[in-house]
């Protein structure tokens, strides 16, 4: 089996991203709605900003396919994509609700997916 080679930028992204996200990040976002719901775009931006704040690096490219409903235990999946096209899945889980604020944790997958050829 031949090991996969990654560019230094990819390793840097994966090392910092996984380390930061596995550190048990907790994030809070205000929705401004009576029934809390965070749009997929706002969720992606919040996750990316938390990662940037934690690592001191620029915000990575994060996409989330669906809105996050403010109900404790609700989960959704987002994807971080490195400059080389490799990606890392992220699970977002609602931990509590405080009025119109959704508090959630983020946890990265242990293994990144290589870039598509």
C-alpha atoms as a PDB file:
ATOM      1  CA  UNK A   1       0.000   0.000   0.000  1.00  0.00           C
ATOM      2  CA  UNK A   2       1.478   3.356  -1.001  1.00  0.00           C
ATOM      3  CA  UNK A   3       1.098   6.189   1.509  1.00  0.00           C
ATOM      4  CA  UNK A   4      -0.783   9.246   0.319  1.00  0.00           C
ATOM      5  CA  UNK A   5       1.381  12.351  -0.049  1.00  0.00           C
ATOM      6  CA  UNK A   6      -0.069  15.679   1.031  1.00  0.00           C
ATOM      7  CA  UNK A   7       1.209  19.136   0.399  1.00  0.00           C
ATOM      8  CA  UNK A   8       2.581  21.045   3.418  1.00  0.00           C
ATOM      9  CA  UNK A   9      -0.438  23.367   3.232  1.00  0.00           C
ATOM     10  CA  UNK A  10      -2.828  20.432   3.443  1.00  0.00           C
ATOM     11  CA  UNK A  11      -1.034  18.932   6.428  1.00  0.00           C
ATOM     12  CA  UNK A  12      -1.028  22.314   8.131  1.00  0.00           C
ATOM     13  CA  UNK A  13      -4.774  22.705   7.538  1.00  0.00           C
ATOM     14  CA  UNK A  14      -5.556  19.202   8.720  1.00  0.00           C
ATOM     15  CA  UNK A  15      -3.329  19.365  11.786  1.00  0.00           C
ATOM     16  CA  UNK A  16      -4.617  22.737  12.937  1.00  0.00           C
ATOM     17  CA  UNK A  17      -8.207  22.026  11.986  1.00  0.00           C
ATOM     18  CA  UNK A  18      -8.471  18.668  13.670  1.00  0.00           C
ATOM     19  CA  UNK A  19      -6.620  19.825  16.769  1.00  0.00           C
ATOM     20  CA  UNK A  20      -8.769  22.898  17.157  1.00  0.00           C
ATOM     21  CA  UNK A  21     -12.061  21.160  16.534  1.00  0.00           C
ATOM     22  CA  UNK A  22     -11.318  18.142  18.675  1.00  0.00           C
ATOM     23  CA  UNK A  23     -10.459  20.422  21.586  1.00  0.00           C
ATOM     24  CA  UNK A  24     -14.165  20.519  22.448  1.00  0.00           C
ATOM     25  CA  UNK A  25     -15.107  23.842  20.943  1.00  0.00           C
ATOM     26  CA  UNK A  26     -18.388  25.305  22.036  1.00  0.00           C
ATOM     27  CA  UNK A  27     -19.985  28.054  20.011  1.00  0.00           C
ATOM     28  CA  UNK A  28     -22.996  30.286  20.520  1.00  0.00           C
ATOM     29  CA  UNK A  29     -24.945  32.166  17.877  1.00  0.00           C
ATOM     30  CA  UNK A  30     -27.962  34.438  18.154  1.00  0.00           C
ATOM     31  CA  UNK A  31     -30.735  33.898  15.639  1.00  0.00           C
ATOM     32  CA  UNK A  32     -33.096  36.772  16.420  1.00  0.00           C
ATOM     33  CA  UNK A  33     -36.114  34.474  15.929  1.00  0.00           C
ATOM     34  CA  UNK A  34     -38.816  33.319  18.342  1.00  0.00           C
ATOM     35  CA  UNK A  35     -38.022  29.716  17.364  1.00  0.00           C
ATOM     36  CA  UNK A  36     -34.232  29.519  17.138  1.00  0.00           C
ATOM     37  CA  UNK A  37     -32.862  28.382  13.803  1.00  0.00           C
ATOM     38  CA  UNK A  38     -29.447  29.204  12.408  1.00  0.00           C
ATOM     39  CA  UNK A  39     -29.168  29.396   8.607  1.00  0.00           C
ATOM     40  CA  UNK A  40     -26.691  27.086   6.923  1.00  0.00           C
ATOM     41  CA  UNK A  41     -24.652  30.096   5.712  1.00  0.00           C
ATOM     42  CA  UNK A  42     -24.470  31.649   9.197  1.00  0.00           C
ATOM     43  CA  UNK A  43     -23.596  28.264  10.696  1.00  0.00           C
ATOM     44  CA  UNK A  44     -20.772  27.740   8.186  1.00  0.00           C
ATOM     45  CA  UNK A  45     -19.447  31.240   8.846  1.00  0.00           C
ATOM     46  CA  UNK A  46     -19.605  30.752  12.631  1.00  0.00           C
ATOM     47  CA  UNK A  47     -17.762  27.403  12.479  1.00  0.00           C
ATOM     48  CA  UNK A  48     -15.109  28.878  10.157  1.00  0.00           C
ATOM     49  CA  UNK A  49     -14.657  31.935  12.386  1.00  0.00           C
ATOM     50  CA  UNK A  50     -14.278  29.772  15.511  1.00  0.00           C
ATOM     51  CA  UNK A  51     -11.607  27.723  13.772  1.00  0.00           C
ATOM     52  CA  UNK A  52      -9.798  30.874  12.618  1.00  0.00           C
ATOM     53  CA  UNK A  53      -9.965  32.369  16.120  1.00  0.00           C
ATOM     54  CA  UNK A  54      -8.657  29.153  17.667  1.00  0.00           C
ATOM     55  CA  UNK A  55      -5.771  28.654  15.244  1.00  0.00           C
ATOM     56  CA  UNK A  56      -4.859  32.268  14.455  1.00  0.00           C
ATOM     57  CA  UNK A  57      -5.104  31.451  10.742  1.00  0.00           C
ATOM     58  CA  UNK A  58      -7.451  32.771   8.045  1.00  0.00           C
ATOM     59  CA  UNK A  59     -10.993  31.412   7.969  1.00  0.00           C
ATOM     60  CA  UNK A  60     -11.161  28.098   6.099  1.00  0.00           C
ATOM     61  CA  UNK A  61     -13.781  27.237   3.507  1.00  0.00           C
ATOM     62  CA  UNK A  62     -16.689  25.663   5.410  1.00  0.00           C
ATOM     63  CA  UNK A  63     -20.030  24.582   3.964  1.00  0.00           C
ATOM     64  CA  UNK A  64     -23.098  23.344   5.812  1.00  0.00           C
ATOM     65  CA  UNK A  65     -25.925  21.816   3.754  1.00  0.00           C
ATOM     66  CA  UNK A  66     -28.800  22.643   6.099  1.00  0.00           C
ATOM     67  CA  UNK A  67     -29.992  25.081   8.739  1.00  0.00           C
ATOM     68  CA  UNK A  68     -29.402  24.220  12.401  1.00  0.00           C
ATOM     69  CA  UNK A  69     -32.636  23.930  14.402  1.00  0.00           C
ATOM     70  CA  UNK A  70     -32.415  25.130  17.988  1.00  0.00           C
ATOM     71  CA  UNK A  71     -33.360  21.914  19.758  1.00  0.00           C
ATOM     72  CA  UNK A  72     -30.959  20.276  22.217  1.00  0.00           C
ATOM     73  CA  UNK A  73     -29.375  17.188  20.663  1.00  0.00           C
ATOM     74  CA  UNK A  74     -29.970  18.261  17.050  1.00  0.00           C
ATOM     75  CA  UNK A  75     -26.971  17.540  14.830  1.00  0.00           C
ATOM     76  CA  UNK A  76     -25.885  18.494  11.357  1.00  0.00           C
ATOM     77  CA  UNK A  77     -22.787  17.888   9.280  1.00  0.00           C
ATOM     78  CA  UNK A  78     -20.541  20.523   7.728  1.00  0.00           C
ATOM     79  CA  UNK A  79     -17.429  20.187   5.575  1.00  0.00           C
ATOM     80  CA  UNK A  80     -14.112  22.037   5.771  1.00  0.00           C
ATOM     81  CA  UNK A  81     -12.221  22.087   2.473  1.00  0.00           C
ATOM     82  CA  UNK A  82      -8.471  22.771   2.242  1.00  0.00           C
ATOM     83  CA  UNK A  83      -6.807  24.660  -0.604  1.00  0.00           C
ATOM     84  CA  UNK A  84      -5.648  21.358  -2.122  1.00  0.00           C
ATOM     85  CA  UNK A  85      -9.225  20.041  -2.212  1.00  0.00           C
ATOM     86  CA  UNK A  86      -8.937  17.624   0.701  1.00  0.00           C
ATOM     87  CA  UNK A  87     -11.856  17.829   3.114  1.00  0.00           C
ATOM     88  CA  UNK A  88     -12.725  17.165   6.714  1.00  0.00           C
ATOM     89  CA  UNK A  89     -16.218  16.440   8.011  1.00  0.00           C
ATOM     90  CA  UNK A  90     -17.471  18.304  11.063  1.00  0.00           C
ATOM     91  CA  UNK A  91     -20.399  17.364  13.286  1.00  0.00           C
ATOM     92  CA  UNK A  92     -22.287  20.243  14.901  1.00  0.00           C
ATOM     93  CA  UNK A  93     -24.456  19.361  17.921  1.00  0.00           C
ATOM     94  CA  UNK A  94     -26.824  21.703  19.755  1.00  0.00           C
ATOM     95  CA  UNK A  95     -25.914  21.639  23.453  1.00  0.00           C
ATOM     96  CA  UNK A  96     -28.366  24.206  24.855  1.00  0.00           C
ATOM     97  CA  UNK A  97     -30.717  27.046  23.990  1.00  0.00           C
ATOM     98  CA  UNK A  98     -30.686  30.401  25.790  1.00  0.00           C
ATOM     99  CA  UNK A  99     -33.561  32.517  24.487  1.00  0.00           C
ATOM    100  CA  UNK A 100     -32.732  33.063  20.812  1.00  0.00           C
ATOM    101  CA  UNK A 101     -29.136  31.846  21.216  1.00  0.00           C
ATOM    102  CA  UNK A 102     -28.178  28.373  20.038  1.00  0.00           C
ATOM    103  CA  UNK A 103     -25.154  26.954  21.852  1.00  0.00           C
ATOM    104  CA  UNK A 104     -23.435  24.147  20.002  1.00  0.00           C
ATOM    105  CA  UNK A 105     -20.289  22.066  19.971  1.00  0.00           C
ATOM    106  CA  UNK A 106     -18.221  21.166  16.936  1.00  0.00           C
ATOM    107  CA  UNK A 107     -16.202  18.008  16.432  1.00  0.00           C
ATOM    108  CA  UNK A 108     -14.111  17.109  13.427  1.00  0.00           C
ATOM    109  CA  UNK A 109     -13.820  13.648  11.952  1.00  0.00           C
ATOM    110  CA  UNK A 110     -10.566  11.888  12.752  1.00  0.00           C
ATOM    111  CA  UNK A 111      -9.673  11.306   9.098  1.00  0.00           C
ATOM    112  CA  UNK A 112      -9.690  13.721   6.188  1.00  0.00           C
ATOM    113  CA  UNK A 113     -10.828  12.784   2.699  1.00  0.00           C
ATOM    114  CA  UNK A 114      -8.226  13.295  -0.027  1.00  0.00           C
ATOM    115  CA  UNK A 115      -8.827  15.691  -2.877  1.00  0.00           C
ATOM    116  CA  UNK A 116     -10.725  14.278  -5.854  1.00  0.00           C
ATOM    117  CA  UNK A 117      -8.480  13.703  -8.859  1.00  0.00           C
END
